[in-house]
Amino acid sequence: MADITLGWPDLVGFIGVGFLLSSYAALQFGRISADAPLYSILNALAALMILFSLIFSFNAASFVIEFFWLIISLVGLVRSLRKRRNNTE
């Protein structure tokens, strides 16, 4: 059996996975709205943390999906903040 050692980049990546799964679960269980800035923030943080871990153990397919997850989350965050600002004016 292969010896598996996990370092701090792996820990950062696992925390990112935790953010991703918890934000998705919160959305599915009605605890958060997809329009809430927090949802996009958690998704963007998750993607950043996973991308960080990929610097140390690169996987092309994972990098591509996380890169686009980050971009989509940032676009969602901007849209959410604009919507909030327009509703308060």
C-alpha atoms as a PDB file:
ATOM      1  CA  MET A   1       0.000   0.000   0.000  1.00  0.00           C
ATOM      2  CA  ALA A   2       1.256   3.476  -0.868  1.00  0.00           C
ATOM      3  CA  ASP A   3       2.391   5.762   1.907  1.00  0.00           C
ATOM      4  CA  ILE A   4       0.145   8.809   1.864  1.00  0.00           C
ATOM      5  CA  THR A   5       1.309  11.954   3.575  1.00  0.00           C
ATOM      6  CA  LEU A   6      -0.819  15.035   3.762  1.00  0.00           C
ATOM      7  CA  GLY A   7       0.707  18.473   4.232  1.00  0.00           C
ATOM      8  CA  TRP A   8      -0.647  21.908   4.954  1.00  0.00           C
ATOM      9  CA  PRO A   9      -1.605  22.522   1.284  1.00  0.00           C
ATOM     10  CA  ASP A  10      -3.844  19.468   1.543  1.00  0.00           C
ATOM     11  CA  LEU A  11      -5.389  20.848   4.720  1.00  0.00           C
ATOM     12  CA  VAL A  12      -6.150  24.139   2.951  1.00  0.00           C
ATOM     13  CA  GLY A  13      -7.725  22.204   0.085  1.00  0.00           C
ATOM     14  CA  PHE A  14      -9.843  20.102   2.455  1.00  0.00           C
ATOM     15  CA  ILE A  15     -11.072  23.246   4.211  1.00  0.00           C
ATOM     16  CA  GLY A  16     -12.027  24.583   0.777  1.00  0.00           C
ATOM     17  CA  VAL A  17     -13.929  21.366   0.066  1.00  0.00           C
ATOM     18  CA  GLY A  18     -15.694  21.848   3.404  1.00  0.00           C
ATOM     19  CA  PHE A  19     -16.742  25.381   2.390  1.00  0.00           C
ATOM     20  CA  LEU A  20     -17.974  24.102  -0.959  1.00  0.00           C
ATOM     21  CA  LEU A  21     -19.995  21.236   0.477  1.00  0.00           C
ATOM     22  CA  SER A  22     -21.420  23.247   3.368  1.00  0.00           C
ATOM     23  CA  SER A  23     -22.520  26.127   1.131  1.00  0.00           C
ATOM     24  CA  TYR A  24     -24.154  23.719  -1.316  1.00  0.00           C
ATOM     25  CA  ALA A  25     -25.870  21.819   1.498  1.00  0.00           C
ATOM     26  CA  ALA A  26     -27.080  25.099   3.028  1.00  0.00           C
ATOM     27  CA  LEU A  27     -28.520  26.066  -0.356  1.00  0.00           C
ATOM     28  CA  GLN A  28     -30.257  22.720  -0.833  1.00  0.00           C
ATOM     29  CA  PHE A  29     -31.688  22.690   2.697  1.00  0.00           C
ATOM     30  CA  GLY A  30     -33.019  26.238   2.359  1.00  0.00           C
ATOM     31  CA  ARG A  31     -30.645  27.745   4.917  1.00  0.00           C
ATOM     32  CA  ILE A  32     -29.148  30.203   2.408  1.00  0.00           C
ATOM     33  CA  SER A  33     -30.287  31.773  -0.842  1.00  0.00           C
ATOM     34  CA  ALA A  34     -28.312  31.558  -4.066  1.00  0.00           C
ATOM     35  CA  ASP A  35     -28.797  35.342  -4.267  1.00  0.00           C
ATOM     36  CA  ALA A  36     -27.093  35.897  -0.909  1.00  0.00           C
ATOM     37  CA  PRO A  37     -23.565  37.309  -1.165  1.00  0.00           C
ATOM     38  CA  LEU A  38     -22.434  34.774   1.442  1.00  0.00           C
ATOM     39  CA  TYR A  39     -23.192  31.893  -0.923  1.00  0.00           C
ATOM     40  CA  SER A  40     -20.938  33.325  -3.645  1.00  0.00           C
ATOM     41  CA  ILE A  41     -18.256  34.276  -1.111  1.00  0.00           C
ATOM     42  CA  LEU A  42     -18.119  30.739   0.297  1.00  0.00           C
ATOM     43  CA  ASN A  43     -17.937  29.272  -3.193  1.00  0.00           C
ATOM     44  CA  ALA A  44     -15.180  31.668  -4.239  1.00  0.00           C
ATOM     45  CA  LEU A  45     -13.185  30.944  -1.071  1.00  0.00           C
ATOM     46  CA  ALA A  46     -13.628  27.226  -1.635  1.00  0.00           C
ATOM     47  CA  ALA A  47     -12.345  27.482  -5.207  1.00  0.00           C
ATOM     48  CA  LEU A  48      -9.376  29.630  -4.132  1.00  0.00           C
ATOM     49  CA  MET A  49      -8.403  27.193  -1.394  1.00  0.00           C
ATOM     50  CA  ILE A  50      -8.671  24.193  -3.683  1.00  0.00           C
ATOM     51  CA  LEU A  51      -6.688  26.014  -6.388  1.00  0.00           C
ATOM     52  CA  PHE A  52      -4.027  26.777  -3.793  1.00  0.00           C
ATOM     53  CA  SER A  53      -3.739  23.097  -2.900  1.00  0.00           C
ATOM     54  CA  LEU A  54      -3.441  22.248  -6.601  1.00  0.00           C
ATOM     55  CA  ILE A  55      -0.295  24.357  -6.857  1.00  0.00           C
ATOM     56  CA  PHE A  56       1.441  21.698  -4.759  1.00  0.00           C
ATOM     57  CA  SER A  57      -0.194  18.644  -6.335  1.00  0.00           C
ATOM     58  CA  PHE A  58      -1.325  19.675  -9.807  1.00  0.00           C
ATOM     59  CA  ASN A  59      -4.225  18.049 -11.612  1.00  0.00           C
ATOM     60  CA  ALA A  60      -5.232  19.734 -14.868  1.00  0.00           C
ATOM     61  CA  ALA A  61      -8.922  18.773 -14.824  1.00  0.00           C
ATOM     62  CA  SER A  62      -9.335  19.871 -11.194  1.00  0.00           C
ATOM     63  CA  PHE A  63      -7.546  23.138 -11.923  1.00  0.00           C
ATOM     64  CA  VAL A  64      -9.853  23.926 -14.857  1.00  0.00           C
ATOM     65  CA  ILE A  65     -13.064  23.259 -12.940  1.00  0.00           C
ATOM     66  CA  GLU A  66     -11.912  25.226  -9.882  1.00  0.00           C
ATOM     67  CA  PHE A  67     -10.717  28.140 -12.008  1.00  0.00           C
ATOM     68  CA  PHE A  68     -14.128  28.446 -13.655  1.00  0.00           C
ATOM     69  CA  TRP A  69     -15.883  27.840 -10.305  1.00  0.00           C
ATOM     70  CA  LEU A  70     -13.975  30.846  -8.963  1.00  0.00           C
ATOM     71  CA  ILE A  71     -14.843  33.052 -11.951  1.00  0.00           C
ATOM     72  CA  ILE A  72     -18.531  32.097 -11.834  1.00  0.00           C
ATOM     73  CA  SER A  73     -18.643  32.695  -8.072  1.00  0.00           C
ATOM     74  CA  LEU A  74     -17.083  36.130  -8.435  1.00  0.00           C
ATOM     75  CA  VAL A  75     -19.585  37.055 -11.150  1.00  0.00           C
ATOM     76  CA  GLY A  76     -22.379  35.831  -8.876  1.00  0.00           C
ATOM     77  CA  LEU A  77     -21.007  37.911  -6.008  1.00  0.00           C
ATOM     78  CA  VAL A  78     -20.897  41.065  -8.116  1.00  0.00           C
ATOM     79  CA  ARG A  79     -24.451  40.467  -9.343  1.00  0.00           C
ATOM     80  CA  SER A  80     -25.668  39.818  -5.806  1.00  0.00           C
ATOM     81  CA  LEU A  81     -24.061  42.984  -4.457  1.00  0.00           C
ATOM     82  CA  ARG A  82     -25.436  45.079  -7.330  1.00  0.00           C
ATOM     83  CA  LYS A  83     -28.911  43.673  -6.750  1.00  0.00           C
ATOM     84  CA  ARG A  84     -28.702  44.491  -3.042  1.00  0.00           C
ATOM     85  CA  ARG A  85     -27.477  48.015  -3.763  1.00  0.00           C
ATOM     86  CA  ASN A  86     -30.263  48.628  -6.295  1.00  0.00           C
ATOM     87  CA  ASN A  87     -32.893  47.369  -3.840  1.00  0.00           C
ATOM     88  CA  THR A  88     -31.731  49.782  -1.124  1.00  0.00           C
ATOM     89  CA  GLU A  89     -31.849  52.849  -3.361  1.00  0.00           C
END
